Amino acid sequence: MTICHCTWCQRRTGTAFGTEVVFEIGQVALTGDSVGTYRHHSDESGRWLDVAFCRVCGGNLGFTLEAAPGLRTLPAGAFDDPAWVDAESIQIRHVFVRSRRSWSDLSPLVEQYERHFRTS
């Protein structure tokens, strides 16, 4: 799971961060006519993110990233049973903590990156 504190995720979610569970692209299928996409280009790297959303309700359906081919995210809050999203059973990372909100506390038990862990 990635908890992203970049300003775009703050705007996208309307809160302090975006929380996405990461899957291999073959593990997830988004189907139906109501699935829409929006391509966002990072103002820092220029790379794209394809954000999926429900055309009926506007709900977040996660995204794919140019920087991580073969992976797809789903929003952590979208699962019927969120109990399986547990820090003891999955790896959790905070990214772009350099732009986190001052009122957003971070656990010292979770990996933290000033930028993204994929950034060299």
PDB file of N, CA and C in Angstrom:
ATOM      1  N   MET A   1       0.844  -1.159   0.000  1.00  0.00           N
ATOM      2  CA  MET A   1       0.000   0.000   0.000  1.00  0.00           C
ATOM      3  C   MET A   1       0.898   1.233   0.000  1.00  0.00           C
ATOM      4  N   THR A   2       0.483   2.223  -0.778  1.00  0.00           N
ATOM      5  CA  THR A   2       1.217   3.474  -0.832  1.00  0.00           C
ATOM      6  C   THR A   2       0.318   4.593  -0.336  1.00  0.00           C
ATOM      7  N   ILE A   3       0.832   5.369   0.586  1.00  0.00           N
ATOM      8  CA  ILE A   3       0.131   6.535   1.099  1.00  0.00           C
ATOM      9  C   ILE A   3       0.885   7.743   0.563  1.00  0.00           C
ATOM     10  N   CYS A   4       0.250   8.448  -0.373  1.00  0.00           N
ATOM     11  CA  CYS A   4       0.932   9.522  -1.086  1.00  0.00           C
ATOM     12  C   CYS A   4       0.505  10.886  -0.561  1.00  0.00           C
ATOM     13  N   HIS A   5       1.501  11.682  -0.176  1.00  0.00           N
ATOM     14  CA  HIS A   5       1.267  13.016   0.376  1.00  0.00           C
ATOM     15  C   HIS A   5       1.529  14.126  -0.637  1.00  0.00           C
ATOM     16  N   CYS A   6       1.652  13.794  -1.939  1.00  0.00           N
ATOM     17  CA  CYS A   6       1.910  14.842  -2.930  1.00  0.00           C
ATOM     18  C   CYS A   6       0.702  15.781  -3.004  1.00  0.00           C
ATOM     19  N   THR A   7       0.940  16.986  -3.455  1.00  0.00           N
ATOM     20  CA  THR A   7      -0.149  17.970  -3.492  1.00  0.00           C
ATOM     21  C   THR A   7      -1.250  17.555  -4.465  1.00  0.00           C
ATOM     22  N   TRP A   8      -0.895  16.852  -5.545  1.00  0.00           N
ATOM     23  CA  TRP A   8      -1.934  16.406  -6.463  1.00  0.00           C
ATOM     24  C   TRP A   8      -2.863  15.397  -5.797  1.00  0.00           C
ATOM     25  N   CYS A   9      -2.311  14.439  -5.030  1.00  0.00           N
ATOM     26  CA  CYS A   9      -3.166  13.484  -4.312  1.00  0.00           C
ATOM     27  C   CYS A   9      -4.010  14.192  -3.253  1.00  0.00           C
ATOM     28  N   GLN A  10      -3.471  15.221  -2.643  1.00  0.00           N
ATOM     29  CA  GLN A  10      -4.265  15.996  -1.691  1.00  0.00           C
ATOM     30  C   GLN A  10      -5.463  16.628  -2.401  1.00  0.00           C
ATOM     31  N   ARG A  11      -5.236  17.178  -3.579  1.00  0.00           N
ATOM     32  CA  ARG A  11      -6.338  17.782  -4.341  1.00  0.00           C
ATOM     33  C   ARG A  11      -7.295  16.703  -4.859  1.00  0.00           C
ATOM     34  N   ARG A  12      -6.733  15.599  -5.344  1.00  0.00           N
ATOM     35  CA  ARG A  12      -7.531  14.512  -5.917  1.00  0.00           C
ATOM     36  C   ARG A  12      -8.481  13.911  -4.890  1.00  0.00           C
ATOM     37  N   THR A  13      -8.003  13.763  -3.659  1.00  0.00           N
ATOM     38  CA  THR A  13      -8.823  13.116  -2.628  1.00  0.00           C
ATOM     39  C   THR A  13      -9.562  14.107  -1.746  1.00  0.00           C
ATOM     40  N   GLY A  14      -9.131  15.370  -1.748  1.00  0.00           N
ATOM     41  CA  GLY A  14      -9.760  16.360  -0.884  1.00  0.00           C
ATOM     42  C   GLY A  14      -9.357  16.214   0.566  1.00  0.00           C
ATOM     43  N   THR A  15      -8.226  15.571   0.817  1.00  0.00           N
ATOM     44  CA  THR A  15      -7.746  15.377   2.183  1.00  0.00           C
ATOM     45  C   THR A  15      -6.220  15.433   2.203  1.00  0.00           C
ATOM     46  N   ALA A  16      -5.591  14.879   3.216  1.00  0.00           N
ATOM     47  CA  ALA A  16      -4.146  15.020   3.405  1.00  0.00           C
ATOM     48  C   ALA A  16      -3.304  14.095   2.537  1.00  0.00           C
ATOM     49  N   PHE A  17      -3.878  13.024   2.010  1.00  0.00           N
ATOM     50  CA  PHE A  17      -3.105  12.057   1.238  1.00  0.00           C
ATOM     51  C   PHE A  17      -4.037  11.117   0.493  1.00  0.00           C
ATOM     52  N   GLY A  18      -3.485  10.408  -0.478  1.00  0.00           N
ATOM     53  CA  GLY A  18      -4.196   9.333  -1.156  1.00  0.00           C
ATOM     54  C   GLY A  18      -3.666   8.004  -0.637  1.00  0.00           C
ATOM     55  N   THR A  19      -4.536   7.056  -0.433  1.00  0.00           N
ATOM     56  CA  THR A  19      -4.138   5.745   0.076  1.00  0.00           C
ATOM     57  C   THR A  19      -4.546   4.689  -0.933  1.00  0.00           C
ATOM     58  N   GLU A  20      -3.556   4.081  -1.568  1.00  0.00           N
ATOM     59  CA  GLU A  20      -3.788   3.144  -2.657  1.00  0.00           C
ATOM     60  C   GLU A  20      -3.141   1.792  -2.370  1.00  0.00           C
ATOM     61  N   VAL A  21      -3.879   0.731  -2.635  1.00  0.00           N
ATOM     62  CA  VAL A  21      -3.349  -0.621  -2.534  1.00  0.00           C
ATOM     63  C   VAL A  21      -2.861  -1.008  -3.932  1.00  0.00           C
ATOM     64  N   VAL A  22      -1.672  -1.555  -4.012  1.00  0.00           N
ATOM     65  CA  VAL A  22      -1.023  -1.829  -5.297  1.00  0.00           C
ATOM     66  C   VAL A  22      -1.139  -3.312  -5.657  1.00  0.00           C
ATOM     67  N   PHE A  23      -1.543  -3.564  -6.906  1.00  0.00           N
ATOM     68  CA  PHE A  23      -1.709  -4.918  -7.422  1.00  0.00           C
ATOM     69  C   PHE A  23      -0.984  -5.049  -8.759  1.00  0.00           C
ATOM     70  N   GLU A  24      -0.665  -6.284  -9.148  1.00  0.00           N
ATOM     71  CA  GLU A  24      -0.237  -6.530 -10.516  1.00  0.00           C
ATOM     72  C   GLU A  24      -1.467  -6.324 -11.390  1.00  0.00           C
ATOM     73  N   ILE A  25      -1.274  -5.749 -12.562  1.00  0.00           N
ATOM     74  CA  ILE A  25      -2.400  -5.349 -13.404  1.00  0.00           C
ATOM     75  C   ILE A  25      -3.332  -6.510 -13.739  1.00  0.00           C
ATOM     76  N   GLY A  26      -2.806  -7.722 -13.861  1.00  0.00           N
ATOM     77  CA  GLY A  26      -3.622  -8.898 -14.161  1.00  0.00           C
ATOM     78  C   GLY A  26      -4.507  -9.347 -13.013  1.00  0.00           C
ATOM     79  N   GLN A  27      -4.288  -8.826 -11.823  1.00  0.00           N
ATOM     80  CA  GLN A  27      -5.092  -9.210 -10.663  1.00  0.00           C
ATOM     81  C   GLN A  27      -6.394  -8.415 -10.556  1.00  0.00           C
ATOM     82  N   VAL A  28      -6.531  -7.361 -11.372  1.00  0.00           N
ATOM     83  CA  VAL A  28      -7.680  -6.461 -11.262  1.00  0.00           C
ATOM     84  C   VAL A  28      -8.303  -6.270 -12.635  1.00  0.00           C
ATOM     85  N   ALA A  29      -9.637  -6.321 -12.683  1.00  0.00           N
ATOM     86  CA  ALA A  29     -10.353  -6.029 -13.927  1.00  0.00           C
ATOM     87  C   ALA A  29     -11.425  -4.993 -13.631  1.00  0.00           C
ATOM     88  N   LEU A  30     -11.359  -3.862 -14.312  1.00  0.00           N
ATOM     89  CA  LEU A  30     -12.407  -2.848 -14.223  1.00  0.00           C
ATOM     90  C   LEU A  30     -13.251  -2.997 -15.480  1.00  0.00           C
ATOM     91  N   THR A  31     -14.534  -3.278 -15.298  1.00  0.00           N
ATOM     92  CA  THR A  31     -15.397  -3.548 -16.445  1.00  0.00           C
ATOM     93  C   THR A  31     -16.635  -2.671 -16.415  1.00  0.00           C
ATOM     94  N   GLY A  32     -17.309  -2.610 -17.524  1.00  0.00           N
ATOM     95  CA  GLY A  32     -18.574  -1.884 -17.614  1.00  0.00           C
ATOM     96  C   GLY A  32     -18.427  -0.550 -18.313  1.00  0.00           C
ATOM     97  N   ASP A  33     -19.543  -0.049 -18.778  1.00  0.00           N
ATOM     98  CA  ASP A  33     -19.570   1.222 -19.504  1.00  0.00           C
ATOM     99  C   ASP A  33     -19.398   2.429 -18.599  1.00  0.00           C
ATOM    100  N   SER A  34     -19.561   2.252 -17.307  1.00  0.00           N
ATOM    101  CA  SER A  34     -19.509   3.407 -16.405  1.00  0.00           C
ATOM    102  C   SER A  34     -18.099   3.741 -15.924  1.00  0.00           C
ATOM    103  N   VAL A  35     -17.084   2.991 -16.375  1.00  0.00           N
ATOM    104  CA  VAL A  35     -15.705   3.274 -15.967  1.00  0.00           C
ATOM    105  C   VAL A  35     -15.116   4.319 -16.919  1.00  0.00           C
ATOM    106  N   GLY A  36     -14.693   5.440 -16.365  1.00  0.00           N
ATOM    107  CA  GLY A  36     -14.058   6.488 -17.150  1.00  0.00           C
ATOM    108  C   GLY A  36     -12.602   6.635 -16.737  1.00  0.00           C
ATOM    109  N   THR A  37     -11.827   7.358 -17.518  1.00  0.00           N
ATOM    110  CA  THR A  37     -10.432   7.608 -17.168  1.00  0.00           C
ATOM    111  C   THR A  37     -10.085   9.071 -17.416  1.00  0.00           C
ATOM    112  N   TYR A  38      -9.122   9.518 -16.659  1.00  0.00           N
ATOM    113  CA  TYR A  38      -8.564  10.858 -16.799  1.00  0.00           C
ATOM    114  C   TYR A  38      -7.049  10.710 -16.764  1.00  0.00           C
ATOM    115  N   ARG A  39      -6.347  11.293 -17.728  1.00  0.00           N
ATOM    116  CA  ARG A  39      -4.881  11.230 -17.739  1.00  0.00           C
ATOM    117  C   ARG A  39      -4.336  12.514 -17.116  1.00  0.00           C
ATOM    118  N   HIS A  40      -3.593  12.333 -16.043  1.00  0.00           N
ATOM    119  CA  HIS A  40      -2.928  13.447 -15.360  1.00  0.00           C
ATOM    120  C   HIS A  40      -1.437  13.366 -15.661  1.00  0.00           C
ATOM    121  N   HIS A  41      -0.821  14.505 -15.959  1.00  0.00           N
ATOM    122  CA  HIS A  41       0.624  14.569 -16.150  1.00  0.00           C
ATOM    123  C   HIS A  41       1.243  15.281 -14.958  1.00  0.00           C
ATOM    124  N   SER A  42       2.240  14.667 -14.360  1.00  0.00           N
ATOM    125  CA  SER A  42       2.925  15.249 -13.217  1.00  0.00           C
ATOM    126  C   SER A  42       3.617  16.544 -13.633  1.00  0.00           C
ATOM    127  N   ASP A  43       3.427  17.582 -12.849  1.00  0.00           N
ATOM    128  CA  ASP A  43       4.118  18.840 -13.142  1.00  0.00           C
ATOM    129  C   ASP A  43       5.587  18.775 -12.731  1.00  0.00           C
ATOM    130  N   GLU A  44       5.972  17.739 -12.011  1.00  0.00           N
ATOM    131  CA  GLU A  44       7.369  17.577 -11.614  1.00  0.00           C
ATOM    132  C   GLU A  44       8.138  16.681 -12.581  1.00  0.00           C
ATOM    133  N   SER A  45       7.594  15.495 -12.871  1.00  0.00           N
ATOM    134  CA  SER A  45       8.320  14.538 -13.713  1.00  0.00           C
ATOM    135  C   SER A  45       7.843  14.535 -15.167  1.00  0.00           C
ATOM    136  N   GLY A  46       6.628  15.009 -15.404  1.00  0.00           N
ATOM    137  CA  GLY A  46       6.051  14.963 -16.739  1.00  0.00           C
ATOM    138  C   GLY A  46       5.425  13.624 -17.078  1.00  0.00           C
ATOM    139  N   ARG A  47       5.587  12.634 -16.202  1.00  0.00           N
ATOM    140  CA  ARG A  47       5.005  11.311 -16.449  1.00  0.00           C
ATOM    141  C   ARG A  47       3.500  11.334 -16.192  1.00  0.00           C
ATOM    142  N   TRP A  48       2.812  10.359 -16.786  1.00  0.00           N
ATOM    143  CA  TRP A  48       1.360  10.323 -16.658  1.00  0.00           C
ATOM    144  C   TRP A  48       0.871   9.314 -15.625  1.00  0.00           C
ATOM    145  N   LEU A  49      -0.344   9.561 -15.174  1.00  0.00           N
ATOM    146  CA  LEU A  49      -1.136   8.646 -14.349  1.00  0.00           C
ATOM    147  C   LEU A  49      -2.482   8.561 -15.029  1.00  0.00           C
ATOM    148  N   ASP A  50      -3.001   7.371 -15.269  1.00  0.00           N
ATOM    149  CA  ASP A  50      -4.357   7.221 -15.778  1.00  0.00           C
ATOM    150  C   ASP A  50      -5.255   6.885 -14.601  1.00  0.00           C
ATOM    151  N   VAL A  51      -6.095   7.834 -14.243  1.00  0.00           N
ATOM    152  CA  VAL A  51      -6.985   7.700 -13.099  1.00  0.00           C
ATOM    153  C   VAL A  51      -8.324   7.142 -13.581  1.00  0.00           C
ATOM    154  N   ALA A  52      -8.792   6.074 -12.957  1.00  0.00           N
ATOM    155  CA  ALA A  52     -10.093   5.489 -13.283  1.00  0.00           C
ATOM    156  C   ALA A  52     -11.132   5.993 -12.286  1.00  0.00           C
ATOM    157  N   PHE A  53     -12.343   6.205 -12.790  1.00  0.00           N
ATOM    158  CA  PHE A  53     -13.422   6.674 -11.927  1.00  0.00           C
ATOM    159  C   PHE A  53     -14.749   6.152 -12.452  1.00  0.00           C
ATOM    160  N   CYS A  54     -15.744   6.140 -11.603  1.00  0.00           N
ATOM    161  CA  CYS A  54     -17.084   5.718 -11.989  1.00  0.00           C
ATOM    162  C   CYS A  54     -17.803   6.917 -12.601  1.00  0.00           C
ATOM    163  N   ARG A  55     -18.280   6.771 -13.837  1.00  0.00           N
ATOM    164  CA  ARG A  55     -18.996   7.867 -14.507  1.00  0.00           C
ATOM    165  C   ARG A  55     -20.362   8.134 -13.884  1.00  0.00           C
ATOM    166  N   VAL A  56     -20.892   7.183 -13.114  1.00  0.00           N
ATOM    167  CA  VAL A  56     -22.202   7.340 -12.495  1.00  0.00           C
ATOM    168  C   VAL A  56     -22.103   8.156 -11.204  1.00  0.00           C
ATOM    169  N   CYS A  57     -21.180   7.750 -10.307  1.00  0.00           N
ATOM    170  CA  CYS A  57     -21.103   8.409  -9.000  1.00  0.00           C
ATOM    171  C   CYS A  57     -19.839   9.247  -8.815  1.00  0.00           C
ATOM    172  N   GLY A  58     -18.865   9.120  -9.723  1.00  0.00           N
ATOM    173  CA  GLY A  58     -17.619   9.863  -9.601  1.00  0.00           C
ATOM    174  C   GLY A  58     -16.608   9.217  -8.680  1.00  0.00           C
ATOM    175  N   GLY A  59     -16.913   8.031  -8.168  1.00  0.00           N
ATOM    176  CA  GLY A  59     -16.032   7.352  -7.217  1.00  0.00           C
ATOM    177  C   GLY A  59     -14.673   6.994  -7.796  1.00  0.00           C
ATOM    178  N   ASN A  60     -13.649   7.089  -6.969  1.00  0.00           N
ATOM    179  CA  ASN A  60     -12.268   6.774  -7.315  1.00  0.00           C
ATOM    180  C   ASN A  60     -12.125   5.263  -7.499  1.00  0.00           C
ATOM    181  N   LEU A  61     -11.551   4.850  -8.648  1.00  0.00           N
ATOM    182  CA  LEU A  61     -11.309   3.436  -8.925  1.00  0.00           C
ATOM    183  C   LEU A  61      -9.819   3.137  -9.079  1.00  0.00           C
ATOM    184  N   GLY A  62      -8.968   4.038  -8.592  1.00  0.00           N
ATOM    185  CA  GLY A  62      -7.535   3.805  -8.630  1.00  0.00           C
ATOM    186  C   GLY A  62      -6.894   4.295  -9.910  1.00  0.00           C
ATOM    187  N   PHE A  63      -5.652   3.869 -10.150  1.00  0.00           N
ATOM    188  CA  PHE A  63      -4.936   4.351 -11.331  1.00  0.00           C
ATOM    189  C   PHE A  63      -3.810   3.429 -11.741  1.00  0.00           C
ATOM    190  N   THR A  64      -3.297   3.688 -12.936  1.00  0.00           N
ATOM    191  CA  THR A  64      -2.074   3.068 -13.426  1.00  0.00           C
ATOM    192  C   THR A  64      -1.072   4.198 -13.632  1.00  0.00           C
ATOM    193  N   LEU A  65       0.219   3.846 -13.577  1.00  0.00           N
ATOM    194  CA  LEU A  65       1.274   4.858 -13.670  1.00  0.00           C
ATOM    195  C   LEU A  65       2.256   4.523 -14.778  1.00  0.00           C
ATOM    196  N   GLU A  66       2.669   5.526 -15.513  1.00  0.00           N
ATOM    197  CA  GLU A  66       3.711   5.334 -16.517  1.00  0.00           C
ATOM    198  C   GLU A  66       4.992   4.821 -15.859  1.00  0.00           C
ATOM    199  N   ALA A  67       5.274   5.295 -14.660  1.00  0.00           N
ATOM    200  CA  ALA A  67       6.509   4.941 -13.949  1.00  0.00           C
ATOM    201  C   ALA A  67       6.509   3.512 -13.414  1.00  0.00           C
ATOM    202  N   ALA A  68       5.348   2.863 -13.399  1.00  0.00           N
ATOM    203  CA  ALA A  68       5.259   1.501 -12.856  1.00  0.00           C
ATOM    204  C   ALA A  68       4.411   0.621 -13.765  1.00  0.00           C
ATOM    205  N   PRO A  69       4.919   0.327 -14.967  1.00  0.00           N
ATOM    206  CA  PRO A  69       4.144  -0.519 -15.879  1.00  0.00           C
ATOM    207  C   PRO A  69       3.850  -1.877 -15.242  1.00  0.00           C
ATOM    208  N   GLY A  70       2.661  -2.374 -15.514  1.00  0.00           N
ATOM    209  CA  GLY A  70       2.287  -3.680 -14.987  1.00  0.00           C
ATOM    210  C   GLY A  70       1.636  -3.630 -13.620  1.00  0.00           C
ATOM    211  N   LEU A  71       1.506  -2.431 -13.038  1.00  0.00           N
ATOM    212  CA  LEU A  71       0.866  -2.294 -11.729  1.00  0.00           C
ATOM    213  C   LEU A  71      -0.398  -1.449 -11.850  1.00  0.00           C
ATOM    214  N   ARG A  72      -1.362  -1.701 -10.964  1.00  0.00           N
ATOM    215  CA  ARG A  72      -2.605  -0.932 -10.869  1.00  0.00           C
ATOM    216  C   ARG A  72      -2.902  -0.727  -9.406  1.00  0.00           C
ATOM    217  N   THR A  73      -3.412   0.444  -9.070  1.00  0.00           N
ATOM    218  CA  THR A  73      -3.810   0.690  -7.691  1.00  0.00           C
ATOM    219  C   THR A  73      -5.327   0.681  -7.573  1.00  0.00           C
ATOM    220  N   LEU A  74      -5.785   0.390  -6.385  1.00  0.00           N
ATOM    221  CA  LEU A  74      -7.189   0.540  -6.009  1.00  0.00           C
ATOM    222  C   LEU A  74      -7.209   1.320  -4.696  1.00  0.00           C
ATOM    223  N   PRO A  75      -8.161   2.227  -4.521  1.00  0.00           N
ATOM    224  CA  PRO A  75      -8.199   3.001  -3.287  1.00  0.00           C
ATOM    225  C   PRO A  75      -8.503   2.115  -2.077  1.00  0.00           C
ATOM    226  N   ALA A  76      -7.744   2.286  -1.022  1.00  0.00           N
ATOM    227  CA  ALA A  76      -7.887   1.434   0.166  1.00  0.00           C
ATOM    228  C   ALA A  76      -9.282   1.524   0.777  1.00  0.00           C
ATOM    229  N   GLY A  77      -9.931   2.672   0.644  1.00  0.00           N
ATOM    230  CA  GLY A  77     -11.265   2.836   1.224  1.00  0.00           C
ATOM    231  C   GLY A  77     -12.389   2.215   0.414  1.00  0.00           C
ATOM    232  N   ALA A  78     -12.092   1.617  -0.733  1.00  0.00           N
ATOM    233  CA  ALA A  78     -13.133   1.092  -1.611  1.00  0.00           C
ATOM    234  C   ALA A  78     -13.500  -0.371  -1.348  1.00  0.00           C
ATOM    235  N   PHE A  79     -12.773  -1.048  -0.483  1.00  0.00           N
ATOM    236  CA  PHE A  79     -13.033  -2.464  -0.257  1.00  0.00           C
ATOM    237  C   PHE A  79     -14.179  -2.672   0.727  1.00  0.00           C
ATOM    238  N   ASP A  80     -15.051  -3.655   0.417  1.00  0.00           N
ATOM    239  CA  ASP A  80     -16.172  -3.964   1.302  1.00  0.00           C
ATOM    240  C   ASP A  80     -15.678  -4.376   2.682  1.00  0.00           C
ATOM    241  N   ASP A  81     -14.596  -5.158   2.709  1.00  0.00           N
ATOM    242  CA  ASP A  81     -14.018  -5.605   3.976  1.00  0.00           C
ATOM    243  C   ASP A  81     -12.579  -5.098   4.053  1.00  0.00           C
ATOM    244  N   PRO A  82     -12.356  -3.935   4.681  1.00  0.00           N
ATOM    245  CA  PRO A  82     -11.006  -3.372   4.741  1.00  0.00           C
ATOM    246  C   PRO A  82     -10.104  -4.041   5.777  1.00  0.00           C
ATOM    247  N   ALA A  83     -10.594  -5.043   6.492  1.00  0.00           N
ATOM    248  CA  ALA A  83      -9.820  -5.670   7.565  1.00  0.00           C
ATOM    249  C   ALA A  83      -8.523  -6.299   7.061  1.00  0.00           C
ATOM    250  N   TRP A  84      -8.487  -6.731   5.798  1.00  0.00           N
ATOM    251  CA  TRP A  84      -7.287  -7.383   5.275  1.00  0.00           C
ATOM    252  C   TRP A  84      -6.156  -6.388   5.029  1.00  0.00           C
ATOM    253  N   VAL A  85      -6.480  -5.100   4.966  1.00  0.00           N
ATOM    254  CA  VAL A  85      -5.447  -4.065   4.796  1.00  0.00           C
ATOM    255  C   VAL A  85      -4.863  -3.803   6.175  1.00  0.00           C
ATOM    256  N   ASP A  86      -3.765  -4.473   6.461  1.00  0.00           N
ATOM    257  CA  ASP A  86      -3.200  -4.513   7.799  1.00  0.00           C
ATOM    258  C   ASP A  86      -1.684  -4.363   7.700  1.00  0.00           C
ATOM    259  N   ALA A  87      -1.118  -3.486   8.493  1.00  0.00           N
ATOM    260  CA  ALA A  87       0.321  -3.201   8.438  1.00  0.00           C
ATOM    261  C   ALA A  87       1.187  -4.426   8.730  1.00  0.00           C
ATOM    262  N   GLU A  88       0.629  -5.418   9.394  1.00  0.00           N
ATOM    263  CA  GLU A  88       1.409  -6.619   9.681  1.00  0.00           C
ATOM    264  C   GLU A  88       1.419  -7.604   8.523  1.00  0.00           C
ATOM    265  N   SER A  89       0.466  -7.454   7.578  1.00  0.00           N
ATOM    266  CA  SER A  89       0.395  -8.423   6.488  1.00  0.00           C
ATOM    267  C   SER A  89       0.779  -7.842   5.129  1.00  0.00           C
ATOM    268  N   ILE A  90       0.798  -6.524   4.986  1.00  0.00           N
ATOM    269  CA  ILE A  90       1.208  -5.915   3.719  1.00  0.00           C
ATOM    270  C   ILE A  90       2.211  -4.795   3.978  1.00  0.00           C
ATOM    271  N   GLN A  91       3.029  -4.531   2.980  1.00  0.00           N
ATOM    272  CA  GLN A  91       4.024  -3.455   3.093  1.00  0.00           C
ATOM    273  C   GLN A  91       3.332  -2.116   2.865  1.00  0.00           C
ATOM    274  N   ILE A  92       3.621  -1.156   3.733  1.00  0.00           N
ATOM    275  CA  ILE A  92       3.028   0.178   3.620  1.00  0.00           C
ATOM    276  C   ILE A  92       4.149   1.197   3.525  1.00  0.00           C
ATOM    277  N   ARG A  93       3.989   2.128   2.561  1.00  0.00           N
ATOM    278  CA  ARG A  93       4.982   3.188   2.370  1.00  0.00           C
ATOM    279  C   ARG A  93       4.292   4.536   2.304  1.00  0.00           C
ATOM    280  N   HIS A  94       4.892   5.524   2.941  1.00  0.00           N
ATOM    281  CA  HIS A  94       4.485   6.921   2.776  1.00  0.00           C
ATOM    282  C   HIS A  94       5.428   7.533   1.753  1.00  0.00           C
ATOM    283  N   VAL A  95       4.876   8.171   0.715  1.00  0.00           N
ATOM    284  CA  VAL A  95       5.704   8.820  -0.298  1.00  0.00           C
ATOM    285  C   VAL A  95       5.358  10.303  -0.379  1.00  0.00           C
ATOM    286  N   PHE A  96       6.305  11.074  -0.873  1.00  0.00           N
ATOM    287  CA  PHE A  96       6.198  12.531  -0.978  1.00  0.00           C
ATOM    288  C   PHE A  96       5.859  13.170   0.363  1.00  0.00           C
ATOM    289  N   VAL A  97       6.509  12.663   1.420  1.00  0.00           N
ATOM    290  CA  VAL A  97       6.271  13.239   2.747  1.00  0.00           C
ATOM    291  C   VAL A  97       6.782  14.678   2.835  1.00  0.00           C
ATOM    292  N   ARG A  98       7.590  15.098   1.887  1.00  0.00           N
ATOM    293  CA  ARG A  98       8.070  16.485   1.886  1.00  0.00           C
ATOM    294  C   ARG A  98       6.917  17.475   1.742  1.00  0.00           C
ATOM    295  N   SER A  99       5.781  17.041   1.182  1.00  0.00           N
ATOM    296  CA  SER A  99       4.645  17.944   1.025  1.00  0.00           C
ATOM    297  C   SER A  99       3.455  17.548   1.904  1.00  0.00           C
ATOM    298  N   ARG A 100       3.724  16.745   2.926  1.00  0.00           N
ATOM    299  CA  ARG A 100       2.623  16.340   3.805  1.00  0.00           C
ATOM    300  C   ARG A 100       2.112  17.524   4.615  1.00  0.00           C
ATOM    301  N   ARG A 101       0.878  17.439   5.013  1.00  0.00           N
ATOM    302  CA  ARG A 101       0.262  18.464   5.854  1.00  0.00           C
ATOM    303  C   ARG A 101       0.819  18.353   7.265  1.00  0.00           C
ATOM    304  N   SER A 102       1.058  19.467   7.909  1.00  0.00           N
ATOM    305  CA  SER A 102       1.672  19.464   9.248  1.00  0.00           C
ATOM    306  C   SER A 102       0.790  18.758  10.277  1.00  0.00           C
ATOM    307  N   TRP A 103      -0.496  18.712  10.040  1.00  0.00           N
ATOM    308  CA  TRP A 103      -1.418  18.077  10.978  1.00  0.00           C
ATOM    309  C   TRP A 103      -1.629  16.596  10.684  1.00  0.00           C
ATOM    310  N   SER A 104      -0.878  16.055   9.743  1.00  0.00           N
ATOM    311  CA  SER A 104      -0.986  14.645   9.373  1.00  0.00           C
ATOM    312  C   SER A 104       0.166  13.870  10.012  1.00  0.00           C
ATOM    313  N   ASP A 105      -0.105  13.175  11.108  1.00  0.00           N
ATOM    314  CA  ASP A 105       0.929  12.418  11.815  1.00  0.00           C
ATOM    315  C   ASP A 105       1.333  11.170  11.042  1.00  0.00           C
ATOM    316  N   LEU A 106       2.605  10.818  11.125  1.00  0.00           N
ATOM    317  CA  LEU A 106       3.121   9.626  10.471  1.00  0.00           C
ATOM    318  C   LEU A 106       3.619   8.637  11.511  1.00  0.00           C
ATOM    319  N   SER A 107       3.343   7.380  11.274  1.00  0.00           N
ATOM    320  CA  SER A 107       3.842   6.334  12.150  1.00  0.00           C
ATOM    321  C   SER A 107       5.323   6.113  11.883  1.00  0.00           C
ATOM    322  N   PRO A 108       6.138   6.026  12.910  1.00  0.00           N
ATOM    323  CA  PRO A 108       7.553   5.734  12.703  1.00  0.00           C
ATOM    324  C   PRO A 108       7.783   4.274  12.301  1.00  0.00           C
ATOM    325  N   LEU A 109       6.743   3.450  12.319  1.00  0.00           N
ATOM    326  CA  LEU A 109       6.851   2.036  11.981  1.00  0.00           C
ATOM    327  C   LEU A 109       6.675   1.768  10.486  1.00  0.00           C
ATOM    328  N   VAL A 110       6.375   2.808   9.705  1.00  0.00           N
ATOM    329  CA  VAL A 110       6.099   2.664   8.280  1.00  0.00           C
ATOM    330  C   VAL A 110       7.191   3.364   7.481  1.00  0.00           C
ATOM    331  N   GLU A 111       7.608   2.755   6.347  1.00  0.00           N
ATOM    332  CA  GLU A 111       8.628   3.370   5.493  1.00  0.00           C
ATOM    333  C   GLU A 111       8.173   4.756   5.042  1.00  0.00           C
ATOM    334  N   GLN A 112       9.132   5.699   4.978  1.00  0.00           N
ATOM    335  CA  GLN A 112       8.817   7.064   4.570  1.00  0.00           C
ATOM    336  C   GLN A 112       9.854   7.547   3.565  1.00  0.00           C
ATOM    337  N   TYR A 113       9.369   8.203   2.523  1.00  0.00           N
ATOM    338  CA  TYR A 113      10.239   8.714   1.463  1.00  0.00           C
ATOM    339  C   TYR A 113       9.902  10.176   1.195  1.00  0.00           C
ATOM    340  N   GLU A 114      10.919  11.017   1.113  1.00  0.00           N
ATOM    341  CA  GLU A 114      10.723  12.437   0.810  1.00  0.00           C
ATOM    342  C   GLU A 114      10.059  12.612  -0.547  1.00  0.00           C
ATOM    343  N   ARG A 115      10.473  11.784  -1.506  1.00  0.00           N
ATOM    344  CA  ARG A 115       9.870  11.792  -2.835  1.00  0.00           C
ATOM    345  C   ARG A 115       9.163  10.444  -2.992  1.00  0.00           C
ATOM    346  N   HIS A 116       9.463   9.719  -4.026  1.00  0.00           N
ATOM    347  CA  HIS A 116       8.872   8.385  -4.227  1.00  0.00           C
ATOM    348  C   HIS A 116       9.981   7.356  -4.084  1.00  0.00           C
ATOM    349  N   PHE A 117       9.659   6.182  -3.608  1.00  0.00           N
ATOM    350  CA  PHE A 117      10.688   5.161  -3.419  1.00  0.00           C
ATOM    351  C   PHE A 117      11.237   4.672  -4.761  1.00  0.00           C
ATOM    352  N   ARG A 118      10.525   4.884  -5.851  1.00  0.00           N
ATOM    353  CA  ARG A 118      11.003   4.512  -7.186  1.00  0.00           C
ATOM    354  C   ARG A 118      11.928   5.575  -7.777  1.00  0.00           C
ATOM    355  N   THR A 119      12.022   6.736  -7.136  1.00  0.00           N
ATOM    356  CA  THR A 119      12.880   7.820  -7.641  1.00  0.00           C
ATOM    357  C   THR A 119      14.338   7.505  -7.332  1.00  0.00           C
ATOM    358  N   SER A 120      15.152   7.569  -8.347  1.00  0.00           N
ATOM    359  CA  SER A 120      16.573   7.252  -8.118  1.00  0.00           C
ATOM    360  C   SER A 120      17.344   8.477  -7.713  1.00  0.00           C
TER     361      SER A 120
END
